[in-house]
Protein backbone atom coordinates (compact mmCIF):
# COMPACT_ATOMS: atom_id res chain seq x y z
CA UNK A 1 104.01 -22.02 -80.61
CA UNK A 2 102.64 -19.83 -78.37
CA UNK A 3 100.90 -18.10 -81.06
CA UNK A 4 99.27 -21.20 -82.36
CA UNK A 5 98.26 -22.19 -78.74
CA UNK A 6 96.76 -18.61 -78.30
CA UNK A 7 94.73 -19.07 -81.65
CA UNK A 8 93.63 -22.74 -80.46
CA UNK A 9 92.28 -20.94 -77.19
CA UNK A 10 90.46 -18.38 -78.80
CA UNK A 11 88.88 -20.77 -81.15
CA UNK A 12 88.01 -23.05 -78.84
CA UNK A 13 86.30 -20.14 -76.43
CA UNK A 14 84.41 -18.67 -79.37
CA UNK A 15 82.91 -22.04 -80.42
CA UNK A 16 81.65 -22.65 -76.98
CA UNK A 17 80.32 -19.12 -76.69
CA UNK A 18 78.65 -19.32 -80.07
CA UNK A 19 77.86 -22.99 -79.86
CA UNK A 20 75.72 -22.75 -76.63
CA UNK A 21 72.09 -23.73 -76.61
CA UNK A 22 69.99 -20.45 -76.12
CA UNK A 23 66.72 -22.31 -75.49
CA UNK A 24 66.60 -23.23 -71.84
CA UNK A 25 64.80 -26.70 -71.55
CA UNK A 26 64.34 -27.11 -67.80
CA UNK A 27 61.96 -25.57 -65.42
CA UNK A 28 61.48 -26.10 -61.58
CA UNK A 29 58.16 -24.57 -60.31
CA UNK A 30 55.88 -24.71 -57.47
CA UNK A 31 52.21 -25.63 -58.05
CA UNK A 32 49.18 -24.83 -55.98
CA UNK A 33 46.76 -27.32 -56.72
CA UNK A 34 47.01 -28.72 -59.89
CA UNK A 35 48.79 -32.43 -60.70
CA UNK A 36 50.12 -32.60 -57.25
CA UNK A 37 46.55 -32.27 -56.01
CA UNK A 38 47.18 -29.56 -53.10
CA UNK A 39 50.44 -28.36 -53.53
CA UNK A 40 54.09 -29.85 -55.53
CA UNK A 41 56.89 -29.03 -56.61
CA UNK A 42 57.98 -30.11 -60.13
CA UNK A 43 60.81 -30.24 -62.36
CA UNK A 44 59.85 -30.23 -66.31
CA UNK A 45 62.24 -30.81 -69.41
CA UNK A 46 61.46 -30.17 -73.06
CA UNK A 47 62.33 -32.94 -74.77
CA UNK A 48 61.71 -31.90 -78.54
CA UNK A 49 61.50 -28.95 -80.38
CA UNK A 50 59.07 -29.89 -83.24
CA UNK A 51 56.41 -31.36 -82.01
CA UNK A 52 57.39 -29.50 -78.70
CA UNK A 53 56.77 -32.33 -75.96
CA UNK A 54 57.36 -31.61 -72.47
CA UNK A 55 57.76 -34.23 -69.30
CA UNK A 56 57.20 -33.42 -65.78
CA UNK A 57 57.57 -35.07 -62.59
CA UNK A 58 57.14 -33.71 -59.03
CA UNK A 59 56.59 -34.22 -55.41
CA UNK A 60 53.47 -32.90 -53.49
CA UNK A 61 51.05 -33.40 -50.59
CA UNK A 62 47.35 -33.56 -50.01
CA UNK A 63 45.21 -33.31 -46.74
CA UNK A 64 45.53 -31.65 -43.62
CA UNK A 65 45.09 -32.43 -39.98
CA UNK A 66 45.53 -35.18 -38.80
CA UNK A 67 47.34 -36.28 -41.59
CA UNK A 68 48.92 -35.36 -44.92
CA UNK A 69 49.78 -37.57 -47.72
CA UNK A 70 52.50 -38.05 -50.46
CA UNK A 71 51.58 -37.22 -53.85
CA UNK A 72 53.83 -37.70 -57.12
CA UNK A 73 52.73 -36.22 -60.22
CA UNK A 74 53.80 -37.52 -63.51
CA UNK A 75 52.91 -36.14 -66.99
CA UNK A 76 53.64 -35.61 -70.78
CA UNK A 77 52.42 -32.16 -72.04
CA UNK A 78 52.18 -31.09 -75.95
CA UNK A 79 53.28 -27.35 -75.98
CA UNK A 80 51.77 -25.14 -78.75
CA UNK A 81 53.20 -21.82 -79.37
CA UNK A 82 51.19 -18.96 -79.77
CA UNK A 83 52.35 -15.68 -80.52
CA UNK A 84 55.94 -15.11 -79.26
CA UNK A 85 58.37 -17.76 -78.68
CA UNK A 86 57.72 -17.34 -74.77
CA UNK A 87 54.15 -18.16 -74.73
CA UNK A 88 52.19 -21.56 -75.03
CA UNK A 89 49.07 -23.48 -74.75
CA UNK A 90 49.59 -26.75 -73.49
CA UNK A 91 47.43 -30.28 -73.04
CA UNK A 92 48.65 -33.19 -71.28
CA UNK A 93 47.99 -36.40 -69.92
CA UNK A 94 49.38 -37.23 -66.53
CA UNK A 95 49.08 -39.38 -63.36
CA UNK A 96 49.22 -38.91 -59.90
CA UNK A 97 50.39 -41.43 -57.39
CA UNK A 98 48.88 -40.68 -53.85
CA UNK A 99 49.92 -42.22 -50.61
CA UNK A 100 46.16 -43.12 -49.49
CA UNK A 101 42.79 -43.73 -51.61
CA UNK A 102 40.55 -40.83 -50.82
CA UNK A 103 37.23 -39.15 -51.51
CA UNK A 104 38.66 -36.25 -53.74
CA UNK A 105 37.28 -32.99 -52.79
CA UNK A 106 38.63 -30.01 -51.08
CA UNK A 107 37.72 -31.04 -47.74
CA UNK A 108 38.77 -34.68 -47.54
CA UNK A 109 36.48 -37.17 -45.31
CA UNK A 110 38.33 -38.28 -42.57
CA UNK A 111 36.75 -41.14 -40.87
CA UNK A 112 38.15 -43.53 -38.08
CA UNK A 113 38.43 -45.98 -40.62
CA UNK A 114 40.10 -43.89 -43.08
CA UNK A 115 42.74 -42.75 -40.43
CA UNK A 116 43.92 -46.44 -39.78
CA UNK A 117 43.95 -47.03 -43.74
CA UNK A 118 47.18 -46.87 -45.97
CA UNK A 119 46.00 -47.92 -49.44
CA UNK A 120 47.86 -46.18 -52.13
CA UNK A 121 46.00 -45.08 -55.22
CA UNK A 122 46.74 -43.81 -58.94
CA UNK A 123 44.67 -40.80 -60.44
CA UNK A 124 44.09 -39.83 -64.09
CA UNK A 125 44.91 -35.97 -64.15
CA UNK A 126 44.81 -34.52 -67.67
CA UNK A 127 45.39 -30.80 -68.22
CA UNK A 128 44.77 -28.13 -70.16
CA UNK A 129 46.59 -24.62 -69.77
CA UNK A 130 48.57 -21.61 -70.73
CA UNK A 131 52.17 -21.13 -69.99
CA UNK A 132 54.44 -18.12 -70.16
CA UNK A 133 58.19 -17.75 -69.78
CA UNK A 134 59.22 -14.09 -68.99
CA UNK A 135 62.55 -12.49 -70.03
CA UNK A 136 64.14 -13.13 -66.76
CA UNK A 137 63.50 -16.73 -67.26
CA UNK A 138 60.97 -16.97 -64.72
CA UNK A 139 57.70 -19.12 -65.71
CA UNK A 140 54.19 -19.16 -64.68
CA UNK A 141 51.45 -21.80 -65.58
CA UNK A 142 47.81 -21.80 -65.12
CA UNK A 143 45.64 -24.84 -66.01
CA UNK A 144 42.49 -26.87 -65.74
CA UNK A 145 43.60 -30.16 -64.21
CA UNK A 146 40.34 -32.40 -63.57
CA UNK A 147 41.07 -35.63 -60.93
CA UNK A 148 39.74 -38.70 -62.07
CA UNK A 149 39.77 -41.48 -59.90
CA UNK A 150 37.44 -44.38 -58.73
CA UNK A 151 35.35 -42.16 -56.79
CA UNK A 152 34.58 -39.92 -59.78
CA UNK A 153 35.65 -36.53 -61.40
CA UNK A 154 36.87 -33.45 -59.29
CA UNK A 155 37.12 -30.53 -61.67
CA UNK A 156 40.12 -28.61 -60.55
CA UNK A 157 43.09 -26.08 -61.61
CA UNK A 158 46.56 -25.24 -60.76
CA UNK A 159 48.63 -22.26 -60.64
CA UNK A 160 52.34 -22.66 -60.93
CA UNK A 161 55.41 -20.35 -60.84
CA UNK A 162 59.08 -21.12 -61.30
CA UNK A 163 62.40 -20.58 -62.83
CA UNK A 164 63.49 -21.79 -66.01
CA UNK A 165 67.16 -23.03 -66.85
């Protein structure tokens, strides 16, 4: 009885050890500029292997004194493996909810009228970029992320650093 139980435990443990998914599909990263407009903390999850699709969502901020506004970036990315299994080009479509509708720019137009206005807006933020996972499960990405809204088109970029798990 003891031998059978021991064999069962060893079999279960070896099945668990060899049955683990070696491909880590989650990534938490901070991004300067990018989809969060000024800065954001994001979570991404790889949904499928072929085609390789990733969804991401985050919380961010933009603005400066006297006010900082909440942003919520959400996007879907297609990842194209280039070379090694840790290097990708990606293209994505996303939207970013902003707590206030502003003229997009690195310097935000703060007028008295604007300070007293709270009107939410949604920006269209497509992206194209480069993503690299290191052997220690860190990640970094750089991307072109233009912001498109009712005020026009603002070319922008993003730089992200994170940890894969």
